[in-house]
Structures are given as C-alpha cells and as structure tokens.
PDB file of N, CA and C in Angstrom:
ATOM      1  N   ILE A   1     125.794 178.250  92.268  1.00  0.00           N
ATOM      2  CA  ILE A   1     125.450 176.656  93.279  1.00  0.00           C
ATOM      3  C   ILE A   1     126.392 175.471  93.196  1.00  0.00           C
ATOM      4  N   GLN A   2     126.630 174.714  91.791  1.00  0.00           N
ATOM      5  CA  GLN A   2     127.160 173.946  91.768  1.00  0.00           C
ATOM      6  C   GLN A   2     128.703 174.008  91.649  1.00  0.00           C
ATOM      7  N   VAL A   3     129.615 174.995  91.711  1.00  0.00           N
ATOM      8  CA  VAL A   3     130.953 175.765  92.183  1.00  0.00           C
ATOM      9  C   VAL A   3     130.709 176.033  93.908  1.00  0.00           C
ATOM     10  N   ALA A   4     129.522 175.756  94.144  1.00  0.00           N
ATOM     11  CA  ALA A   4     130.125 176.037  95.629  1.00  0.00           C
ATOM     12  C   ALA A   4     129.642 174.723  96.473  1.00  0.00           C
ATOM     13  N   LYS A   5     128.984 174.041  95.675  1.00  0.00           N
ATOM     14  CA  LYS A   5     129.199 172.370  96.197  1.00  0.00           C
ATOM     15  C   LYS A   5     130.259 171.993  96.308  1.00  0.00           C
ATOM     16  N   GLU A   6     130.947 172.062  94.575  1.00  0.00           N
ATOM     17  CA  GLU A   6     132.425 171.420  94.620  1.00  0.00           C
ATOM     18  C   GLU A   6     133.520 172.336  95.476  1.00  0.00           C
ATOM     19  N   LYS A   7     133.348 172.864  96.119  1.00  0.00           N
ATOM     20  CA  LYS A   7     133.897 173.652  97.215  1.00  0.00           C
ATOM     21  C   LYS A   7     133.620 173.357  98.910  1.00  0.00           C
ATOM     22  N   GLY A   8     132.240 172.632  98.930  1.00  0.00           N
ATOM     23  CA  GLY A   8     132.126 172.081  99.828  1.00  0.00           C
ATOM     24  C   GLY A   8     131.104 173.312 101.082  1.00  0.00           C
ATOM     25  N   VAL A   9     131.190 174.402 100.495  1.00  0.00           N
ATOM     26  CA  VAL A   9     130.412 175.481 101.100  1.00  0.00           C
ATOM     27  C   VAL A   9     128.593 175.546 101.307  1.00  0.00           C
ATOM     28  N   TYR A  10     128.260 174.814 100.022  1.00  0.00           N
ATOM     29  CA  TYR A  10     126.960 174.897  99.926  1.00  0.00           C
ATOM     30  C   TYR A  10     126.569 173.430 100.146  1.00  0.00           C
ATOM     31  N   LYS A  11     126.138 173.427 101.621  1.00  0.00           N
ATOM     32  CA  LYS A  11     125.321 172.247 101.753  1.00  0.00           C
ATOM     33  C   LYS A  11     123.686 171.970 102.053  1.00  0.00           C
ATOM     34  N   GLY A  12     123.553 172.847 101.996  1.00  0.00           N
ATOM     35  CA  GLY A  12     121.845 172.644 102.267  1.00  0.00           C
ATOM     36  C   GLY A  12     121.346 173.151 103.621  1.00  0.00           C
ATOM     37  N   ARG A  13     120.167 172.771 103.772  1.00  0.00           N
ATOM     38  CA  ARG A  13     119.599 173.006 105.438  1.00  0.00           C
ATOM     39  C   ARG A  13     120.155 172.169 106.494  1.00  0.00           C
ATOM     40  N   PRO A  14     120.639 172.805 107.275  1.00  0.00           N
ATOM     41  CA  PRO A  14     120.926 171.614 108.335  1.00  0.00           C
ATOM     42  C   PRO A  14     119.690 170.958 108.837  1.00  0.00           C
ATOM     43  N   LEU A  15     119.740 169.664 109.742  1.00  0.00           N
ATOM     44  CA  LEU A  15     119.070 168.875 110.190  1.00  0.00           C
ATOM     45  C   LEU A  15     118.820 169.606 111.352  1.00  0.00           C
ATOM     46  N   LEU A  16     117.034 169.159 111.866  1.00  0.00           N
ATOM     47  CA  LEU A  16     116.815 169.918 112.922  1.00  0.00           C
ATOM     48  C   LEU A  16     117.069 168.737 113.998  1.00  0.00           C
ATOM     49  N   TYR A  17     116.530 167.510 113.590  1.00  0.00           N
ATOM     50  CA  TYR A  17     116.972 166.519 114.566  1.00  0.00           C
ATOM     51  C   TYR A  17     118.330 165.670 114.257  1.00  0.00           C
ATOM     52  N   SER A  18     119.225 166.033 114.754  1.00  0.00           N
ATOM     53  CA  SER A  18     120.407 165.044 114.337  1.00  0.00           C
ATOM     54  C   SER A  18     121.254 165.020 115.846  1.00  0.00           C
ATOM     55  N   PRO A  19     122.253 164.088 115.497  1.00  0.00           N
ATOM     56  CA  PRO A  19     123.558 164.023 117.063  1.00  0.00           C
ATOM     57  C   PRO A  19     124.218 165.411 117.131  1.00  0.00           C
ATOM     58  N   ASN A  20     123.486 166.119 116.251  1.00  0.00           N
ATOM     59  CA  ASN A  20     124.490 167.686 116.389  1.00  0.00           C
ATOM     60  C   ASN A  20     123.823 168.789 116.085  1.00  0.00           C
ATOM     61  N   ALA A  21     122.614 168.683 116.323  1.00  0.00           N
ATOM     62  CA  ALA A  21     121.380 169.841 116.206  1.00  0.00           C
ATOM     63  C   ALA A  21     122.150 171.242 117.255  1.00  0.00           C
ATOM     64  N   LYS A  22     121.840 172.259 116.392  1.00  0.00           N
ATOM     65  CA  LYS A  22     121.915 173.587 117.654  1.00  0.00           C
ATOM     66  C   LYS A  22     120.814 173.214 118.933  1.00  0.00           C
ATOM     67  N   ASP A  23     120.270 173.020 118.558  1.00  0.00           N
ATOM     68  CA  ASP A  23     118.844 173.124 119.777  1.00  0.00           C
ATOM     69  C   ASP A  23     119.403 171.986 120.299  1.00  0.00           C
ATOM     70  N   PRO A  24     119.396 172.403 121.848  1.00  0.00           N
ATOM     71  CA  PRO A  24     120.423 170.773 122.613  1.00  0.00           C
ATOM     72  C   PRO A  24     118.191 169.961 122.968  1.00  0.00           C
ATOM     73  N   GLN A  25     117.188 170.471 123.232  1.00  0.00           N
ATOM     74  CA  GLN A  25     116.369 169.840 123.068  1.00  0.00           C
ATOM     75  C   GLN A  25     115.835 168.581 121.712  1.00  0.00           C
ATOM     76  N   LYS A  26     115.945 169.464 120.653  1.00  0.00           N
ATOM     77  CA  LYS A  26     116.049 168.667 119.363  1.00  0.00           C
ATOM     78  C   LYS A  26     117.452 167.017 119.358  1.00  0.00           C
ATOM     79  N   ARG A  27     118.898 167.547 120.246  1.00  0.00           N
ATOM     80  CA  ARG A  27     119.309 166.357 120.206  1.00  0.00           C
ATOM     81  C   ARG A  27     118.900 165.099 121.046  1.00  0.00           C
ATOM     82  N   VAL A  28     118.529 165.876 122.258  1.00  0.00           N
ATOM     83  CA  VAL A  28     117.723 164.795 123.362  1.00  0.00           C
ATOM     84  C   VAL A  28     116.664 164.180 122.164  1.00  0.00           C
ATOM     85  N   ILE A  29     116.166 164.831 121.963  1.00  0.00           N
ATOM     86  CA  ILE A  29     114.510 163.641 121.023  1.00  0.00           C
ATOM     87  C   ILE A  29     115.329 162.957 120.007  1.00  0.00           C
ATOM     88  N   TYR A  30     116.129 163.666 118.840  1.00  0.00           N
ATOM     89  CA  TYR A  30     117.028 162.350 118.840  1.00  0.00           C
ATOM     90  C   TYR A  30     117.675 161.323 119.240  1.00  0.00           C
ATOM     91  N   HIS A  31     117.997 161.417 120.098  1.00  0.00           N
ATOM     92  CA  HIS A  31     118.417 160.345 120.845  1.00  0.00           C
ATOM     93  C   HIS A  31     117.306 159.540 121.412  1.00  0.00           C
ATOM     94  N   ARG A  32     116.306 160.138 121.778  1.00  0.00           N
ATOM     95  CA  ARG A  32     115.279 159.179 121.962  1.00  0.00           C
ATOM     96  C   ARG A  32     114.407 158.250 121.021  1.00  0.00           C
ATOM     97  N   VAL A  33     114.979 159.188 119.516  1.00  0.00           N
ATOM     98  CA  VAL A  33     113.973 158.035 118.712  1.00  0.00           C
ATOM     99  C   VAL A  33     114.768 157.307 118.740  1.00  0.00           C
ATOM    100  N   VAL A  34     116.424 157.126 118.536  1.00  0.00           N
ATOM    101  CA  VAL A  34     116.933 156.395 118.459  1.00  0.00           C
ATOM    102  C   VAL A  34     117.065 155.024 119.159  1.00  0.00           C
ATOM    103  N   GLU A  35     116.816 155.623 120.214  1.00  0.00           N
ATOM    104  CA  GLU A  35     116.652 154.488 121.211  1.00  0.00           C
ATOM    105  C   GLU A  35     115.742 153.743 120.789  1.00  0.00           C
ATOM    106  N   MET A  36     114.980 154.435 120.852  1.00  0.00           N
ATOM    107  CA  MET A  36     113.184 153.834 120.865  1.00  0.00           C
ATOM    108  C   MET A  36     113.273 152.776 119.528  1.00  0.00           C
ATOM    109  N   LEU A  37     113.647 153.428 118.508  1.00  0.00           N
ATOM    110  CA  LEU A  37     114.023 152.252 117.104  1.00  0.00           C
ATOM    111  C   LEU A  37     114.723 151.357 117.331  1.00  0.00           C
ATOM    112  N   GLU A  38     115.882 150.933 118.636  1.00  0.00           N
ATOM    113  CA  GLU A  38     116.556 150.000 118.343  1.00  0.00           C
ATOM    114  C   GLU A  38     115.851 148.914 119.811  1.00  0.00           C
ATOM    115  N   GLU A  39     114.913 149.801 120.095  1.00  0.00           N
ATOM    116  CA  GLU A  39     113.840 148.561 121.340  1.00  0.00           C
ATOM    117  C   GLU A  39     113.269 148.236 120.420  1.00  0.00           C
ATOM    118  N   GLY A  40     112.711 148.737 119.231  1.00  0.00           N
ATOM    119  CA  GLY A  40     111.846 148.262 118.307  1.00  0.00           C
ATOM    120  C   GLY A  40     110.341 148.016 118.224  1.00  0.00           C
ATOM    121  N   GLN A  41     110.093 149.345 118.844  1.00  0.00           N
ATOM    122  CA  GLN A  41     109.322 149.810 119.421  1.00  0.00           C
ATOM    123  C   GLN A  41     108.174 150.848 117.742  1.00  0.00           C
ATOM    124  N   ALA A  42     107.493 150.863 117.784  1.00  0.00           N
ATOM    125  CA  ALA A  42     106.501 151.169 116.137  1.00  0.00           C
ATOM    126  C   ALA A  42     106.637 152.695 115.825  1.00  0.00           C
ATOM    127  N   ILE A  43     106.481 152.693 114.449  1.00  0.00           N
ATOM    128  CA  ILE A  43     107.037 154.108 114.333  1.00  0.00           C
ATOM    129  C   ILE A  43     105.845 155.447 114.720  1.00  0.00           C
ATOM    130  N   SER A  44     104.803 155.063 114.268  1.00  0.00           N
ATOM    131  CA  SER A  44     103.711 155.540 115.228  1.00  0.00           C
ATOM    132  C   SER A  44     103.864 155.802 116.390  1.00  0.00           C
ATOM    133  N   LYS A  45     104.112 154.852 117.172  1.00  0.00           N
ATOM    134  CA  LYS A  45     104.153 155.462 118.454  1.00  0.00           C
ATOM    135  C   LYS A  45     105.255 156.514 119.280  1.00  0.00           C
ATOM    136  N   ILE A  46     106.294 155.727 118.100  1.00  0.00           N
ATOM    137  CA  ILE A  46     107.396 156.978 118.850  1.00  0.00           C
ATOM    138  C   ILE A  46     107.155 158.238 118.124  1.00  0.00           C
ATOM    139  N   ALA A  47     106.538 158.529 117.190  1.00  0.00           N
ATOM    140  CA  ALA A  47     106.461 159.638 116.516  1.00  0.00           C
ATOM    141  C   ALA A  47     105.549 160.563 117.478  1.00  0.00           C
ATOM    142  N   LYS A  48     104.071 159.753 117.829  1.00  0.00           N
ATOM    143  CA  LYS A  48     103.427 160.214 118.956  1.00  0.00           C
ATOM    144  C   LYS A  48     103.746 160.888 120.102  1.00  0.00           C
ATOM    145  N   GLU A  49     105.032 159.907 120.951  1.00  0.00           N
ATOM    146  CA  GLU A  49     105.331 160.102 121.887  1.00  0.00           C
ATOM    147  C   GLU A  49     105.967 160.990 121.921  1.00  0.00           C
ATOM    148  N   VAL A  50     107.040 161.527 121.045  1.00  0.00           N
ATOM    149  CA  VAL A  50     108.249 162.584 120.941  1.00  0.00           C
ATOM    150  C   VAL A  50     107.589 164.309 120.167  1.00  0.00           C
ATOM    151  N   ASN A  51     106.437 163.598 120.011  1.00  0.00           N
ATOM    152  CA  ASN A  51     105.564 164.829 119.105  1.00  0.00           C
ATOM    153  C   ASN A  51     106.306 165.431 117.849  1.00  0.00           C
ATOM    154  N   ILE A  52     107.006 164.546 117.171  1.00  0.00           N
ATOM    155  CA  ILE A  52     107.111 164.902 115.557  1.00  0.00           C
ATOM    156  C   ILE A  52     106.909 164.064 114.710  1.00  0.00           C
ATOM    157  N   THR A  53     106.481 164.117 113.555  1.00  0.00           N
ATOM    158  CA  THR A  53     105.881 163.412 112.493  1.00  0.00           C
ATOM    159  C   THR A  53     106.919 161.875 112.028  1.00  0.00           C
ATOM    160  N   ARG A  54     105.920 161.404 111.531  1.00  0.00           N
ATOM    161  CA  ARG A  54     106.429 160.290 111.358  1.00  0.00           C
ATOM    162  C   ARG A  54     107.773 159.762 110.036  1.00  0.00           C
ATOM    163  N   GLN A  55     107.210 160.789 109.160  1.00  0.00           N
ATOM    164  CA  GLN A  55     108.609 161.021 108.269  1.00  0.00           C
ATOM    165  C   GLN A  55     109.820 161.510 108.924  1.00  0.00           C
ATOM    166  N   THR A  56     109.854 162.094 109.689  1.00  0.00           N
ATOM    167  CA  THR A  56     111.167 162.598 110.464  1.00  0.00           C
ATOM    168  C   THR A  56     111.655 161.228 111.183  1.00  0.00           C
ATOM    169  N   VAL A  57     110.604 160.534 112.197  1.00  0.00           N
ATOM    170  CA  VAL A  57     111.262 159.153 112.600  1.00  0.00           C
ATOM    171  C   VAL A  57     111.702 158.051 111.292  1.00  0.00           C
ATOM    172  N   TYR A  58     111.030 157.913 110.197  1.00  0.00           N
ATOM    173  CA  TYR A  58     111.839 157.365 109.151  1.00  0.00           C
ATOM    174  C   TYR A  58     112.948 157.868 108.418  1.00  0.00           C
ATOM    175  N   ARG A  59     113.132 158.800 108.762  1.00  0.00           N
ATOM    176  CA  ARG A  59     114.551 159.562 108.277  1.00  0.00           C
ATOM    177  C   ARG A  59     115.929 159.116 109.061  1.00  0.00           C
ATOM    178  N   ILE A  60     115.387 159.479 110.759  1.00  0.00           N
ATOM    179  CA  ILE A  60     116.208 159.090 111.556  1.00  0.00           C
ATOM    180  C   ILE A  60     116.627 157.772 111.273  1.00  0.00           C
ATOM    181  N   LYS A  61     115.447 156.954 111.163  1.00  0.00           N
ATOM    182  CA  LYS A  61     115.826 155.294 110.712  1.00  0.00           C
ATOM    183  C   LYS A  61     116.331 155.120 109.504  1.00  0.00           C
ATOM    184  N   HIS A  62     116.810 155.697 109.036  1.00  0.00           N
ATOM    185  CA  HIS A  62     117.465 155.741 107.417  1.00  0.00           C
ATOM    186  C   HIS A  62     118.722 156.153 107.707  1.00  0.00           C
ATOM    187  N   ASP A  63     118.839 156.990 108.823  1.00  0.00           N
ATOM    188  CA  ASP A  63     120.471 157.594 108.520  1.00  0.00           C
ATOM    189  C   ASP A  63     120.899 156.976 109.398  1.00  0.00           C
ATOM    190  N   LYS A  64     120.454 156.848 110.219  1.00  0.00           N
ATOM    191  CA  LYS A  64     121.244 155.079 111.243  1.00  0.00           C
ATOM    192  C   LYS A  64     121.393 154.420 110.617  1.00  0.00           C
ATOM    193  N   GLY A  65     120.291 153.786 109.684  1.00  0.00           N
ATOM    194  CA  GLY A  65     120.922 152.608 108.927  1.00  0.00           C
ATOM    195  C   GLY A  65     120.003 151.429 109.601  1.00  0.00           C
ATOM    196  N   LEU A  66     119.280 151.805 110.419  1.00  0.00           N
ATOM    197  CA  LEU A  66     118.026 150.909 111.113  1.00  0.00           C
ATOM    198  C   LEU A  66     117.428 150.383 110.201  1.00  0.00           C
ATOM    199  N   SER A  67     116.961 148.980 110.435  1.00  0.00           N
ATOM    200  CA  SER A  67     115.525 148.672 109.288  1.00  0.00           C
ATOM    201  C   SER A  67     115.054 147.650 110.459  1.00  0.00           C
TER     202      SER A  67
END
C-alpha cells in the first residue's frame, strides 16, 4: 500500500459529496450545501433540508475552508 501511495495510485475511497462526484445528484447536493453554508445557515438545518448527516456538512465546510 505504501508503494502504491508513493506512486499516486492508492488514493482511498472517493468522496460521495464533492464537486466532481460521479453521481450528478450528489454533486447538486454538494453545491446546495456550499451555497447554504455561504448564506450562514445552521449546520443541522442544512443537514435536514438536503437529507445528509451533520458530519458530512461539517466535512464539506472544512474542505471548502469556510468558517
């Protein structure tokens, strides 16, 4: 695994909710979450509205560098 990581082949599991996710619906949800975070809405409200976990919202927030 270490050798594969060094070669850049082993990258782990792809994220479900990201700007380049395979599923177009999950891409739409990702962009909606980012939009709602930028508006300053509450994490729990976002999670309930788009039907994902709060932890996923926090991960998107952290990855985007939003505070």
